[in-house]
Amino acid sequence: MTSATATESPYKVIYVLGGPGAGKGTQCSRLVKKYKLAHISAGDCLREEQSREGSKYGDLIRTYIKEGQIVPKEITIKLLEQKMKDYSAEGIDTFLIDGFPRKLDQYQAFEEMVCPALTTLFFQCGQETMLARLLNRGKTSGREDDNTESIKKRFVTYVETSMPVIDAMKERGRCVTINAENDPDTVFEDTCAAMNKALGL
């Protein structure tokens, strides 16, 4: 299979990466209001599929998420691509893909099967800060994985598997590191500067 180039693809994709609790979702929500684009969370796609009645992947996804492990790439890419097609039918062709790719094989498969990303927004944040944010979110989120045990498993998975993706994108000159320890407004300013550059605005 030959890989599509960014110019051949009808889609413009920007990966949004960072540890659990780095503030990716918060920033993506603000970017959607500023730019004509869609925010697609890989985690939300998986949780939707997990709870969809009759899903053949539901139990498998539930087990992976509970253990803080990464769901097989074929499932995640299929769900992401379907979301992109749905938005494309509404006239939206620019996508923030949040929390993906989280492994090198996911990154390679997505870029071959769907399209190469323009850039990666990497929200860098310390684990102590992320843990505090997630435990606070867990009081109201109702998410099964917002507890100390699951969070620590997610941190290990993130360091071992996601950082190589970020390193690979840096080597290709397609990664912008944003200090996510800052207050949300400062982080947003830095993020918009990176977005404008990636989109040629």
Protein backbone atom coordinates (compact mmCIF):
# COMPACT_ATOMS: atom_id res chain seq x y z
CA MET A 1 0.00 0.00 0.00
CA THR A 2 1.41 3.39 -0.95
CA SER A 3 1.05 6.07 1.65
CA ALA A 4 -1.00 9.16 0.89
CA THR A 5 0.74 12.50 1.03
CA ALA A 6 -0.61 15.46 2.95
CA THR A 7 -1.33 17.24 -0.38
CA GLU A 8 -3.26 14.25 -1.83
CA SER A 9 -5.43 13.76 1.24
CA PRO A 10 -8.72 15.64 1.59
CA TYR A 11 -8.01 15.86 5.34
CA LYS A 12 -5.78 18.10 7.44
CA VAL A 13 -4.83 16.30 10.64
CA ILE A 14 -3.09 17.61 13.74
CA TYR A 15 -2.21 15.10 16.45
CA VAL A 16 -2.74 16.24 20.05
CA LEU A 17 -0.54 14.32 22.49
CA GLY A 18 0.43 14.56 26.14
CA GLY A 19 0.03 12.53 29.29
CA PRO A 20 -3.34 11.81 30.90
CA GLY A 21 -4.46 15.06 32.56
CA ALA A 22 -2.16 17.34 30.54
CA GLY A 23 -5.19 19.44 29.52
CA LYS A 24 -5.55 18.25 25.92
CA GLY A 25 -9.35 18.18 26.00
CA THR A 26 -9.62 21.67 27.51
CA GLN A 27 -7.41 23.18 24.82
CA CYS A 28 -9.14 21.29 22.01
CA SER A 29 -12.54 22.61 23.13
CA ARG A 30 -11.21 26.17 22.87
CA LEU A 31 -9.59 25.55 19.47
CA VAL A 32 -12.88 24.28 18.03
CA LYS A 33 -14.46 27.67 18.84
CA LYS A 34 -11.59 29.60 17.21
CA TYR A 35 -10.99 27.54 14.06
CA LYS A 36 -13.25 25.68 11.63
CA LEU A 37 -12.27 22.19 12.68
CA ALA A 38 -13.44 19.12 14.55
CA HIS A 39 -12.00 17.67 17.74
CA ILE A 40 -11.92 13.88 17.70
CA SER A 41 -10.88 12.20 20.92
CA ALA A 42 -9.59 8.67 20.41
CA GLY A 43 -10.60 7.84 23.99
CA ASP A 44 -14.14 9.15 23.47
CA CYS A 45 -14.47 7.11 20.25
CA LEU A 46 -13.45 3.99 22.13
CA ARG A 47 -15.78 4.69 25.07
CA GLU A 48 -18.69 5.32 22.68
CA GLU A 49 -18.01 2.05 20.88
CA GLN A 50 -17.63 0.24 24.19
CA SER A 51 -21.12 1.30 25.29
CA ARG A 52 -22.77 0.93 21.86
CA GLU A 53 -25.35 -1.85 21.97
CA GLY A 54 -24.32 -4.81 19.86
CA SER A 55 -20.69 -3.71 19.44
CA LYS A 56 -18.41 -6.66 18.71
CA TYR A 57 -15.50 -4.70 20.22
CA GLY A 58 -17.18 -3.53 23.44
CA ASP A 59 -15.86 -6.09 25.93
CA LEU A 60 -12.37 -6.02 24.44
CA ILE A 61 -12.20 -2.21 24.62
CA ARG A 62 -13.49 -2.23 28.21
CA THR A 63 -10.75 -4.64 29.30
CA TYR A 64 -7.96 -2.65 27.64
CA ILE A 65 -9.13 0.67 29.10
CA LYS A 66 -9.54 -0.73 32.61
CA GLU A 67 -5.97 -2.09 32.52
CA GLY A 68 -4.59 1.20 31.18
CA GLN A 69 -3.50 -0.60 28.00
CA ILE A 70 -3.71 0.56 24.39
CA VAL A 71 -6.56 -0.83 22.27
CA PRO A 72 -5.45 -2.60 19.04
CA LYS A 73 -4.67 -0.04 16.33
CA GLU A 74 -7.04 -1.48 13.71
CA ILE A 75 -10.06 -0.80 15.93
CA THR A 76 -9.01 2.72 16.90
CA ILE A 77 -8.10 3.77 13.34
CA LYS A 78 -11.39 2.41 11.99
CA LEU A 79 -13.36 4.43 14.56
CA LEU A 80 -11.32 7.62 13.95
CA GLU A 81 -11.66 7.38 10.18
CA GLN A 82 -15.42 6.93 10.43
CA LYS A 83 -15.67 10.09 12.57
CA MET A 84 -13.57 11.99 10.02
CA LYS A 85 -15.87 10.85 7.20
CA ASP A 86 -18.93 11.94 9.19
CA TYR A 87 -17.49 15.43 9.75
CA SER A 88 -16.27 15.65 6.15
CA ALA A 89 -19.86 15.14 4.99
CA GLU A 90 -20.69 18.29 6.99
CA GLY A 91 -17.94 20.26 5.22
CA ILE A 92 -15.23 20.01 7.90
CA ASP A 93 -11.84 18.74 6.72
CA THR A 94 -9.48 19.82 9.53
CA PHE A 95 -9.17 17.58 12.57
CA LEU A 96 -7.56 17.67 15.98
CA ILE A 97 -6.99 14.02 16.82
CA ASP A 98 -6.62 13.91 20.58
CA GLY A 99 -4.79 11.11 22.39
CA PHE A 100 -3.64 9.38 19.21
CA PRO A 101 -1.30 7.94 17.99
CA ARG A 102 -0.06 6.48 21.26
CA LYS A 103 2.24 3.82 19.78
CA LEU A 104 4.66 3.83 16.86
CA ASP A 105 2.68 1.17 15.01
CA GLN A 106 -0.51 3.27 15.36
CA TYR A 107 1.36 6.29 13.98
CA GLN A 108 2.76 4.36 11.01
CA ALA A 109 -0.56 2.65 10.23
CA PHE A 110 -2.63 5.85 10.40
CA GLU A 111 -0.21 7.76 8.16
CA GLU A 112 -0.31 4.96 5.57
CA MET A 113 -4.03 4.11 5.78
CA VAL A 114 -5.55 7.57 6.30
CA CYS A 115 -3.12 10.49 5.86
CA PRO A 116 0.05 12.06 7.29
CA ALA A 117 -0.46 14.67 10.01
CA LEU A 118 0.59 18.29 9.49
CA THR A 119 2.07 18.48 12.98
CA THR A 120 1.80 17.25 16.57
CA LEU A 121 0.87 19.47 19.51
CA PHE A 122 2.71 17.93 22.47
CA PHE A 123 1.38 19.16 25.83
CA GLN A 124 4.26 18.55 28.23
CA CYS A 125 3.26 18.28 31.89
CA GLY A 126 4.72 16.69 35.05
CA GLN A 127 3.14 13.53 36.46
CA GLU A 128 2.37 15.10 39.86
CA THR A 129 0.34 17.85 38.18
CA MET A 130 -1.46 15.37 35.92
CA LEU A 131 -2.29 13.02 38.81
CA ALA A 132 -3.81 15.87 40.85
CA ARG A 133 -5.89 17.02 37.87
CA LEU A 134 -7.18 13.52 37.12
CA LEU A 135 -8.11 12.71 40.71
CA ASN A 136 -9.99 16.01 40.86
CA ARG A 137 -11.76 15.20 37.58
CA GLY A 138 -12.58 11.72 38.88
CA LYS A 139 -14.83 13.22 41.57
CA THR A 140 -17.36 14.14 38.87
CA SER A 141 -16.37 12.41 35.60
CA GLY A 142 -17.77 8.97 36.34
CA ARG A 143 -14.92 7.49 34.29
CA GLU A 144 -13.78 4.03 35.36
CA ASP A 145 -10.12 4.94 34.79
CA ASP A 146 -10.02 8.15 36.88
CA ASN A 147 -8.63 6.43 39.98
CA THR A 148 -5.06 6.30 41.33
CA GLU A 149 -4.40 2.68 40.31
CA SER A 150 -5.59 3.09 36.70
CA ILE A 151 -3.92 6.51 36.38
CA LYS A 152 -0.51 5.12 37.41
CA LYS A 153 -0.89 2.31 34.86
CA ARG A 154 -1.73 4.92 32.22
CA PHE A 155 1.39 6.91 33.10
CA VAL A 156 3.59 3.84 32.61
CA THR A 157 1.93 3.08 29.26
CA TYR A 158 2.31 6.72 28.20
CA VAL A 159 6.05 6.89 28.99
CA GLU A 160 6.87 3.51 27.43
CA THR A 161 4.79 3.73 24.26
CA SER A 162 3.73 7.33 23.55
CA MET A 163 7.05 9.12 24.03
CA PRO A 164 8.66 7.23 21.09
CA VAL A 165 5.86 8.62 18.85
CA ILE A 166 6.59 12.15 20.04
CA ASP A 167 10.33 11.59 19.48
CA ALA A 168 9.63 10.30 15.94
CA MET A 169 7.54 13.37 15.09
CA LYS A 170 10.25 15.66 16.49
CA GLU A 171 12.84 13.97 14.26
CA ARG A 172 10.62 14.70 11.25
CA GLY A 173 10.19 18.36 12.28
CA ARG A 174 6.46 17.82 12.87
CA CYS A 175 6.12 18.40 16.61
CA VAL A 176 5.61 21.52 18.74
CA THR A 177 6.17 21.20 22.50
CA ILE A 178 3.82 23.32 24.63
CA ASN A 179 4.35 23.84 28.37
CA ALA A 180 1.05 22.54 29.80
CA GLU A 181 2.05 23.42 33.38
CA ASN A 182 1.16 27.05 32.59
CA ASP A 183 -2.29 28.53 33.19
CA PRO A 184 -4.89 27.58 30.53
CA ASP A 185 -4.88 31.02 28.85
CA THR A 186 -1.10 31.01 28.35
CA VAL A 187 -1.24 27.44 27.07
CA PHE A 188 -3.99 28.48 24.63
CA GLU A 189 -1.92 31.39 23.27
CA ASP A 190 1.04 29.07 22.67
CA THR A 191 -1.26 26.49 21.07
CA CYS A 192 -2.84 29.03 18.70
CA ALA A 193 0.61 30.15 17.56
CA ALA A 194 1.47 26.54 16.71
CA MET A 195 -1.89 26.03 14.95
CA ASN A 196 -1.50 29.15 12.81
CA LYS A 197 1.90 27.97 11.65
CA ALA A 198 0.69 24.44 10.87
CA LEU A 199 -2.35 25.69 8.93
CA GLY A 200 -0.42 28.47 7.15
CA LEU A 201 -2.57 31.24 8.64
